[in-house]
Amino acid sequence: MRAWIRKPPHGSRGQSPRSSLGEASDSFGGYHLVRYQGQRPHLDYRIWRLRQRPRQMPAGQELRILLRAPFTLHWGVNGWQNAQDAPSEDWGLAHLVTLPTRNLQAGENIQFTIYWQDSGRWQGEDFHLDIIGVPV
C-alpha cells in the first residue's frame, strides 16, 4: 500500500518524516512515500552491474547480472568449474542474466566474464563473487 503525504512543516528538520499513521516514509520529490509499512524488505537476490560490483553475496541468494546492452555471460563456480554460457534476456530497459546460485554454500565462489553480443567483443576482465554465510 502506498500513500502520499505532504512534506513536513519547515520547522521539523532533523526529524524522521512520519505519516499521520506514524509510519516512516521516504522523501521523493518534496513528498514522502510511505512504503513497506515501516519494515525493510528482504531481497532474495543480489544485483550485479558494471557500476555496482558486489564482491560477496549471502548463501541462498540468486545472482542477477543487469547490463544495458545484449551480452552473453560465461560463468563457472569454484575456479571456473562447470563453465557455461548464459545469453541475456531483453527486459526493455536493460538486459538480464539470472544465475542459479541459491544452492551455493558459504566458502564457494562464482567467476564470470562478459561477451558483448553487438560488438562481438569480450569485456576483457574476469569477475569474482564469494558466497558468505547467511546474514542474521
N, C-alpha and C. Protein backbone atom coordinates (compact mmCIF):
# COMPACT_ATOMS: atom_id res chain seq x y z
N MET A 1 0.84 -1.17 0.00
CA MET A 1 0.00 0.00 0.00
C MET A 1 0.89 1.24 0.00
N ARG A 2 0.63 2.15 -0.90
CA ARG A 2 1.37 3.40 -0.96
C ARG A 2 0.43 4.54 -0.63
N ALA A 3 0.93 5.48 0.12
CA ALA A 3 0.12 6.64 0.46
C ALA A 3 1.00 7.87 0.39
N TRP A 4 0.58 8.87 -0.36
CA TRP A 4 1.31 10.12 -0.44
C TRP A 4 0.91 11.01 0.72
N ILE A 5 1.89 11.64 1.32
CA ILE A 5 1.62 12.61 2.37
C ILE A 5 2.40 13.87 2.06
N ARG A 6 1.99 14.96 2.62
CA ARG A 6 2.66 16.24 2.36
C ARG A 6 3.99 16.33 3.10
N LYS A 7 4.83 17.19 2.57
CA LYS A 7 6.11 17.47 3.19
C LYS A 7 5.88 18.06 4.58
N PRO A 8 6.69 17.67 5.59
CA PRO A 8 6.51 18.22 6.93
C PRO A 8 6.75 19.73 6.94
N PRO A 9 6.20 20.44 7.92
CA PRO A 9 6.38 21.89 8.01
C PRO A 9 7.86 22.25 8.08
N HIS A 10 8.18 23.49 7.70
CA HIS A 10 9.55 23.96 7.63
C HIS A 10 10.33 23.74 8.92
N GLY A 11 9.73 23.89 10.04
CA GLY A 11 10.43 23.80 11.32
C GLY A 11 10.74 22.39 11.80
N SER A 12 10.42 21.36 11.04
CA SER A 12 10.61 19.99 11.55
C SER A 12 11.85 19.31 10.99
N ARG A 13 12.88 20.08 10.62
CA ARG A 13 14.11 19.50 10.11
C ARG A 13 14.76 18.61 11.16
N GLY A 14 15.44 17.58 10.66
CA GLY A 14 16.16 16.69 11.56
C GLY A 14 15.29 15.59 12.14
N GLN A 15 13.98 15.70 11.99
CA GLN A 15 13.10 14.66 12.50
C GLN A 15 12.81 13.68 11.39
N SER A 16 12.62 12.43 11.74
CA SER A 16 12.25 11.43 10.76
C SER A 16 10.85 11.72 10.25
N PRO A 17 10.67 11.80 8.91
CA PRO A 17 9.34 12.07 8.39
C PRO A 17 8.37 10.95 8.78
N ARG A 18 7.17 11.31 9.17
CA ARG A 18 6.15 10.34 9.58
C ARG A 18 4.84 10.70 8.92
N SER A 19 4.06 9.69 8.62
CA SER A 19 2.72 9.94 8.10
C SER A 19 1.79 10.16 9.28
N SER A 20 0.55 10.45 8.99
CA SER A 20 -0.42 10.64 10.07
C SER A 20 -0.65 9.35 10.84
N LEU A 21 -0.25 8.22 10.25
CA LEU A 21 -0.38 6.93 10.94
C LEU A 21 0.86 6.59 11.74
N GLY A 22 1.86 7.46 11.70
CA GLY A 22 3.09 7.21 12.45
C GLY A 22 4.05 6.29 11.73
N GLU A 23 3.87 6.07 10.43
CA GLU A 23 4.76 5.19 9.68
C GLU A 23 5.90 5.99 9.09
N ALA A 24 7.09 5.38 9.05
CA ALA A 24 8.24 6.04 8.44
C ALA A 24 7.99 6.19 6.95
N SER A 25 8.53 7.24 6.37
CA SER A 25 8.34 7.46 4.93
C SER A 25 9.65 7.90 4.31
N ASP A 26 9.74 7.80 2.97
CA ASP A 26 10.92 8.20 2.23
C ASP A 26 10.62 9.50 1.50
N SER A 27 11.63 10.34 1.38
CA SER A 27 11.46 11.59 0.65
C SER A 27 11.52 11.32 -0.84
N PHE A 28 10.61 11.92 -1.60
CA PHE A 28 10.60 11.76 -3.04
C PHE A 28 9.97 12.99 -3.65
N GLY A 29 10.76 13.82 -4.29
CA GLY A 29 10.26 14.98 -4.98
C GLY A 29 9.48 15.94 -4.11
N GLY A 30 9.89 16.15 -2.86
CA GLY A 30 9.19 17.07 -1.99
C GLY A 30 8.03 16.43 -1.24
N TYR A 31 7.70 15.23 -1.56
CA TYR A 31 6.65 14.50 -0.86
C TYR A 31 7.26 13.26 -0.22
N HIS A 32 6.53 12.61 0.61
CA HIS A 32 7.02 11.42 1.27
C HIS A 32 6.12 10.25 0.89
N LEU A 33 6.76 9.17 0.52
CA LEU A 33 6.04 7.98 0.11
C LEU A 33 6.16 6.95 1.23
N VAL A 34 5.07 6.55 1.78
CA VAL A 34 5.07 5.55 2.84
C VAL A 34 5.18 4.19 2.15
N ARG A 35 6.22 3.44 2.51
CA ARG A 35 6.43 2.16 1.86
C ARG A 35 6.77 1.10 2.89
N TYR A 36 6.49 -0.10 2.53
CA TYR A 36 6.91 -1.27 3.29
C TYR A 36 6.39 -1.28 4.72
N GLN A 37 5.45 -0.46 5.06
CA GLN A 37 4.83 -0.41 6.37
C GLN A 37 5.86 -0.38 7.50
N GLY A 38 6.91 0.42 7.30
CA GLY A 38 7.92 0.63 8.32
C GLY A 38 8.94 -0.48 8.44
N GLN A 39 8.88 -1.50 7.59
CA GLN A 39 9.84 -2.60 7.67
C GLN A 39 10.67 -2.66 6.40
N ARG A 40 11.94 -2.92 6.56
CA ARG A 40 12.84 -3.04 5.42
C ARG A 40 12.53 -4.35 4.68
N PRO A 41 12.40 -4.30 3.35
CA PRO A 41 12.09 -5.52 2.60
C PRO A 41 13.28 -6.47 2.56
N HIS A 42 13.01 -7.76 2.49
CA HIS A 42 14.05 -8.78 2.37
C HIS A 42 14.15 -9.17 0.90
N LEU A 43 15.32 -9.02 0.32
CA LEU A 43 15.54 -9.42 -1.07
C LEU A 43 16.21 -10.78 -1.11
N ASP A 44 15.73 -11.66 -1.97
CA ASP A 44 16.34 -12.98 -2.09
C ASP A 44 17.23 -13.07 -3.32
N TYR A 45 17.71 -11.92 -3.79
CA TYR A 45 18.63 -11.89 -4.92
C TYR A 45 19.63 -10.75 -4.72
N ARG A 46 20.73 -10.83 -5.47
CA ARG A 46 21.75 -9.79 -5.46
C ARG A 46 21.90 -9.32 -6.89
N ILE A 47 21.93 -8.01 -7.11
CA ILE A 47 22.12 -7.45 -8.44
C ILE A 47 23.58 -7.06 -8.61
N TRP A 48 24.13 -7.43 -9.78
CA TRP A 48 25.49 -7.05 -10.15
C TRP A 48 25.40 -6.25 -11.44
N ARG A 49 26.04 -5.08 -11.44
CA ARG A 49 26.12 -4.23 -12.63
C ARG A 49 27.56 -3.75 -12.76
N LEU A 50 27.92 -3.24 -13.92
CA LEU A 50 29.29 -2.73 -14.09
C LEU A 50 29.58 -1.58 -13.14
N ARG A 51 28.57 -0.81 -12.77
CA ARG A 51 28.76 0.30 -11.83
C ARG A 51 28.51 -0.10 -10.38
N GLN A 52 28.06 -1.31 -10.17
CA GLN A 52 27.76 -1.80 -8.82
C GLN A 52 28.23 -3.25 -8.79
N ARG A 53 29.42 -3.48 -8.26
CA ARG A 53 30.07 -4.79 -8.33
C ARG A 53 30.27 -5.37 -6.93
N PRO A 54 29.25 -5.98 -6.37
CA PRO A 54 29.46 -6.59 -5.06
C PRO A 54 30.52 -7.69 -5.16
N ARG A 55 31.29 -7.85 -4.12
CA ARG A 55 32.33 -8.88 -4.09
C ARG A 55 31.89 -10.10 -3.30
N GLN A 56 30.80 -9.93 -2.55
CA GLN A 56 30.28 -11.02 -1.73
C GLN A 56 28.77 -11.09 -1.88
N MET A 57 28.23 -12.27 -1.57
CA MET A 57 26.80 -12.47 -1.66
C MET A 57 26.42 -13.54 -0.62
N PRO A 58 25.36 -13.31 0.15
CA PRO A 58 24.95 -14.31 1.13
C PRO A 58 24.49 -15.62 0.47
N ALA A 59 24.78 -16.72 1.11
CA ALA A 59 24.31 -18.02 0.63
C ALA A 59 22.78 -17.99 0.56
N GLY A 60 22.23 -18.65 -0.44
CA GLY A 60 20.79 -18.72 -0.60
C GLY A 60 20.21 -17.66 -1.51
N GLN A 61 21.03 -16.71 -1.95
CA GLN A 61 20.54 -15.68 -2.86
C GLN A 61 20.80 -16.07 -4.31
N GLU A 62 20.00 -15.48 -5.19
CA GLU A 62 20.14 -15.64 -6.63
C GLU A 62 20.96 -14.45 -7.12
N LEU A 63 21.84 -14.66 -8.10
CA LEU A 63 22.64 -13.57 -8.65
C LEU A 63 22.04 -13.14 -9.98
N ARG A 64 21.78 -11.83 -10.11
CA ARG A 64 21.23 -11.26 -11.34
C ARG A 64 22.23 -10.26 -11.90
N ILE A 65 22.66 -10.51 -13.13
CA ILE A 65 23.59 -9.62 -13.83
C ILE A 65 22.74 -8.72 -14.72
N LEU A 66 22.82 -7.42 -14.51
CA LEU A 66 21.97 -6.45 -15.19
C LEU A 66 22.85 -5.44 -15.93
N LEU A 67 22.73 -5.43 -17.28
CA LEU A 67 23.55 -4.55 -18.10
C LEU A 67 22.70 -3.88 -19.18
N ARG A 68 23.25 -2.83 -19.80
CA ARG A 68 22.48 -2.02 -20.74
C ARG A 68 22.34 -2.63 -22.13
N ALA A 69 23.29 -3.43 -22.57
CA ALA A 69 23.30 -3.97 -23.94
C ALA A 69 23.25 -5.49 -23.90
N PRO A 70 22.85 -6.12 -25.01
CA PRO A 70 22.81 -7.59 -25.06
C PRO A 70 24.19 -8.19 -24.80
N PHE A 71 24.23 -9.26 -24.00
CA PHE A 71 25.50 -9.89 -23.65
C PHE A 71 25.29 -11.38 -23.42
N THR A 72 26.39 -12.10 -23.43
CA THR A 72 26.40 -13.50 -23.02
C THR A 72 27.33 -13.58 -21.82
N LEU A 73 26.88 -14.23 -20.78
CA LEU A 73 27.69 -14.37 -19.57
C LEU A 73 28.36 -15.74 -19.61
N HIS A 74 29.68 -15.76 -19.57
CA HIS A 74 30.44 -17.01 -19.46
C HIS A 74 30.79 -17.12 -17.98
N TRP A 75 30.31 -18.19 -17.32
CA TRP A 75 30.45 -18.25 -15.88
C TRP A 75 30.71 -19.68 -15.39
N GLY A 76 31.29 -19.76 -14.20
CA GLY A 76 31.55 -21.04 -13.55
C GLY A 76 31.63 -20.83 -12.05
N VAL A 77 31.79 -21.91 -11.32
CA VAL A 77 31.89 -21.83 -9.86
C VAL A 77 33.19 -22.47 -9.39
N ASN A 78 33.69 -21.99 -8.26
CA ASN A 78 34.86 -22.56 -7.61
C ASN A 78 36.03 -22.78 -8.56
N GLY A 79 36.46 -21.70 -9.20
CA GLY A 79 37.60 -21.78 -10.11
C GLY A 79 37.21 -22.19 -11.52
N TRP A 80 36.10 -21.68 -12.00
CA TRP A 80 35.60 -21.92 -13.37
C TRP A 80 35.15 -23.35 -13.61
N GLN A 81 34.83 -24.11 -12.56
CA GLN A 81 34.31 -25.47 -12.77
C GLN A 81 32.92 -25.39 -13.40
N ASN A 82 32.60 -26.37 -14.21
CA ASN A 82 31.30 -26.45 -14.88
C ASN A 82 30.96 -25.16 -15.62
N ALA A 83 31.94 -24.57 -16.29
CA ALA A 83 31.73 -23.30 -17.00
C ALA A 83 30.67 -23.47 -18.08
N GLN A 84 29.84 -22.44 -18.22
CA GLN A 84 28.78 -22.44 -19.22
C GLN A 84 28.45 -21.02 -19.65
N ASP A 85 27.70 -20.93 -20.73
CA ASP A 85 27.29 -19.63 -21.25
C ASP A 85 25.80 -19.42 -21.02
N ALA A 86 25.43 -18.17 -20.71
CA ALA A 86 24.03 -17.81 -20.50
C ALA A 86 23.76 -16.51 -21.26
N PRO A 87 22.93 -16.55 -22.31
CA PRO A 87 22.60 -15.32 -23.03
C PRO A 87 21.64 -14.45 -22.21
N SER A 88 21.79 -13.15 -22.35
CA SER A 88 20.92 -12.23 -21.60
C SER A 88 19.53 -12.17 -22.22
N GLU A 89 18.57 -11.79 -21.40
CA GLU A 89 17.20 -11.57 -21.84
C GLU A 89 16.96 -10.06 -21.88
N ASP A 90 16.26 -9.60 -22.90
CA ASP A 90 15.92 -8.18 -23.02
C ASP A 90 14.70 -7.90 -22.15
N TRP A 91 14.87 -7.05 -21.13
CA TRP A 91 13.77 -6.68 -20.23
C TRP A 91 13.28 -5.27 -20.51
N GLY A 92 13.55 -4.76 -21.69
CA GLY A 92 13.08 -3.44 -22.06
C GLY A 92 14.08 -2.35 -21.73
N LEU A 93 14.32 -2.08 -20.47
CA LEU A 93 15.26 -1.04 -20.06
C LEU A 93 16.67 -1.58 -19.85
N ALA A 94 16.81 -2.87 -19.77
CA ALA A 94 18.12 -3.49 -19.52
C ALA A 94 18.09 -4.94 -19.98
N HIS A 95 19.26 -5.56 -19.97
CA HIS A 95 19.40 -6.97 -20.32
C HIS A 95 19.84 -7.71 -19.07
N LEU A 96 19.29 -8.90 -18.88
CA LEU A 96 19.45 -9.61 -17.61
C LEU A 96 19.81 -11.08 -17.81
N VAL A 97 20.74 -11.54 -16.96
CA VAL A 97 21.01 -12.97 -16.80
C VAL A 97 20.81 -13.29 -15.33
N THR A 98 20.01 -14.30 -15.06
CA THR A 98 19.80 -14.76 -13.69
C THR A 98 20.54 -16.09 -13.52
N LEU A 99 21.48 -16.12 -12.59
CA LEU A 99 22.26 -17.33 -12.35
C LEU A 99 21.64 -18.15 -11.23
N PRO A 100 21.59 -19.47 -11.39
CA PRO A 100 21.02 -20.35 -10.36
C PRO A 100 22.03 -20.58 -9.23
N THR A 101 22.13 -19.62 -8.34
CA THR A 101 23.15 -19.65 -7.28
C THR A 101 22.60 -19.94 -5.90
N ARG A 102 21.32 -20.17 -5.77
CA ARG A 102 20.71 -20.35 -4.43
C ARG A 102 21.28 -21.53 -3.65
N ASN A 103 21.77 -22.55 -4.34
CA ASN A 103 22.27 -23.75 -3.65
C ASN A 103 23.75 -23.68 -3.31
N LEU A 104 24.42 -22.59 -3.68
CA LEU A 104 25.83 -22.47 -3.33
C LEU A 104 25.97 -22.20 -1.83
N GLN A 105 27.02 -22.75 -1.25
CA GLN A 105 27.24 -22.66 0.20
C GLN A 105 28.32 -21.63 0.52
N ALA A 106 28.34 -21.17 1.75
CA ALA A 106 29.39 -20.26 2.21
C ALA A 106 30.75 -20.90 1.95
N GLY A 107 31.67 -20.11 1.44
CA GLY A 107 33.01 -20.61 1.11
C GLY A 107 33.17 -20.90 -0.38
N GLU A 108 32.07 -21.04 -1.10
CA GLU A 108 32.16 -21.24 -2.55
C GLU A 108 32.25 -19.89 -3.23
N ASN A 109 32.50 -19.89 -4.54
CA ASN A 109 32.61 -18.62 -5.26
C ASN A 109 32.15 -18.78 -6.70
N ILE A 110 31.89 -17.63 -7.32
CA ILE A 110 31.41 -17.56 -8.70
C ILE A 110 32.40 -16.73 -9.50
N GLN A 111 32.73 -17.19 -10.70
CA GLN A 111 33.55 -16.41 -11.62
C GLN A 111 32.73 -16.20 -12.89
N PHE A 112 32.90 -15.04 -13.51
CA PHE A 112 32.22 -14.80 -14.78
C PHE A 112 32.92 -13.70 -15.56
N THR A 113 32.64 -13.70 -16.85
CA THR A 113 33.09 -12.64 -17.74
C THR A 113 31.99 -12.35 -18.73
N ILE A 114 32.09 -11.24 -19.44
CA ILE A 114 31.00 -10.76 -20.29
C ILE A 114 31.44 -10.70 -21.74
N TYR A 115 30.61 -11.25 -22.62
CA TYR A 115 30.79 -11.15 -24.06
C TYR A 115 29.68 -10.26 -24.62
N TRP A 116 30.06 -9.13 -25.23
CA TRP A 116 29.08 -8.18 -25.76
C TRP A 116 28.62 -8.66 -27.13
N GLN A 117 27.35 -8.99 -27.26
CA GLN A 117 26.83 -9.56 -28.50
C GLN A 117 26.88 -8.59 -29.67
N ASP A 118 26.57 -7.32 -29.46
CA ASP A 118 26.53 -6.35 -30.56
C ASP A 118 27.90 -6.09 -31.18
N SER A 119 28.92 -5.98 -30.35
CA SER A 119 30.26 -5.67 -30.86
C SER A 119 31.10 -6.92 -31.11
N GLY A 120 30.67 -8.06 -30.56
CA GLY A 120 31.45 -9.29 -30.71
C GLY A 120 32.76 -9.26 -29.93
N ARG A 121 32.78 -8.50 -28.82
CA ARG A 121 34.00 -8.37 -28.01
C ARG A 121 33.76 -8.82 -26.57
N TRP A 122 34.83 -9.27 -25.95
CA TRP A 122 34.81 -9.62 -24.54
C TRP A 122 35.03 -8.37 -23.71
N GLN A 123 34.54 -8.36 -22.51
CA GLN A 123 34.74 -7.24 -21.59
C GLN A 123 36.23 -7.06 -21.28
N GLY A 124 37.00 -8.15 -21.31
CA GLY A 124 38.44 -8.06 -21.05
C GLY A 124 38.77 -8.09 -19.57
N GLU A 125 37.86 -8.63 -18.79
CA GLU A 125 38.02 -8.64 -17.33
C GLU A 125 37.22 -9.81 -16.78
N ASP A 126 37.79 -10.53 -15.82
CA ASP A 126 37.07 -11.59 -15.12
C ASP A 126 36.58 -11.04 -13.78
N PHE A 127 35.39 -11.48 -13.38
CA PHE A 127 34.78 -11.02 -12.14
C PHE A 127 34.62 -12.20 -11.18
N HIS A 128 34.56 -11.88 -9.88
CA HIS A 128 34.56 -12.92 -8.85
C HIS A 128 33.66 -12.48 -7.69
N LEU A 129 32.81 -13.40 -7.23
CA LEU A 129 31.97 -13.16 -6.05
C LEU A 129 32.15 -14.31 -5.08
N ASP A 130 32.37 -13.99 -3.81
CA ASP A 130 32.45 -15.01 -2.77
C ASP A 130 31.08 -15.19 -2.13
N ILE A 131 30.73 -16.43 -1.86
CA ILE A 131 29.48 -16.73 -1.14
C ILE A 131 29.82 -16.75 0.35
N ILE A 132 29.07 -15.98 1.12
CA ILE A 132 29.32 -15.89 2.56
C ILE A 132 28.11 -16.45 3.31
N GLY A 133 28.24 -16.58 4.63
CA GLY A 133 27.15 -17.09 5.45
C GLY A 133 25.91 -16.21 5.34
N VAL A 134 24.78 -16.79 5.61
CA VAL A 134 23.50 -16.08 5.55
C VAL A 134 23.49 -15.01 6.65
N PRO A 135 23.19 -13.74 6.31
CA PRO A 135 23.15 -12.70 7.34
C PRO A 135 22.01 -12.94 8.32
N VAL A 136 22.25 -12.57 9.57
CA VAL A 136 21.25 -12.75 10.61
C VAL A 136 20.35 -11.54 10.67
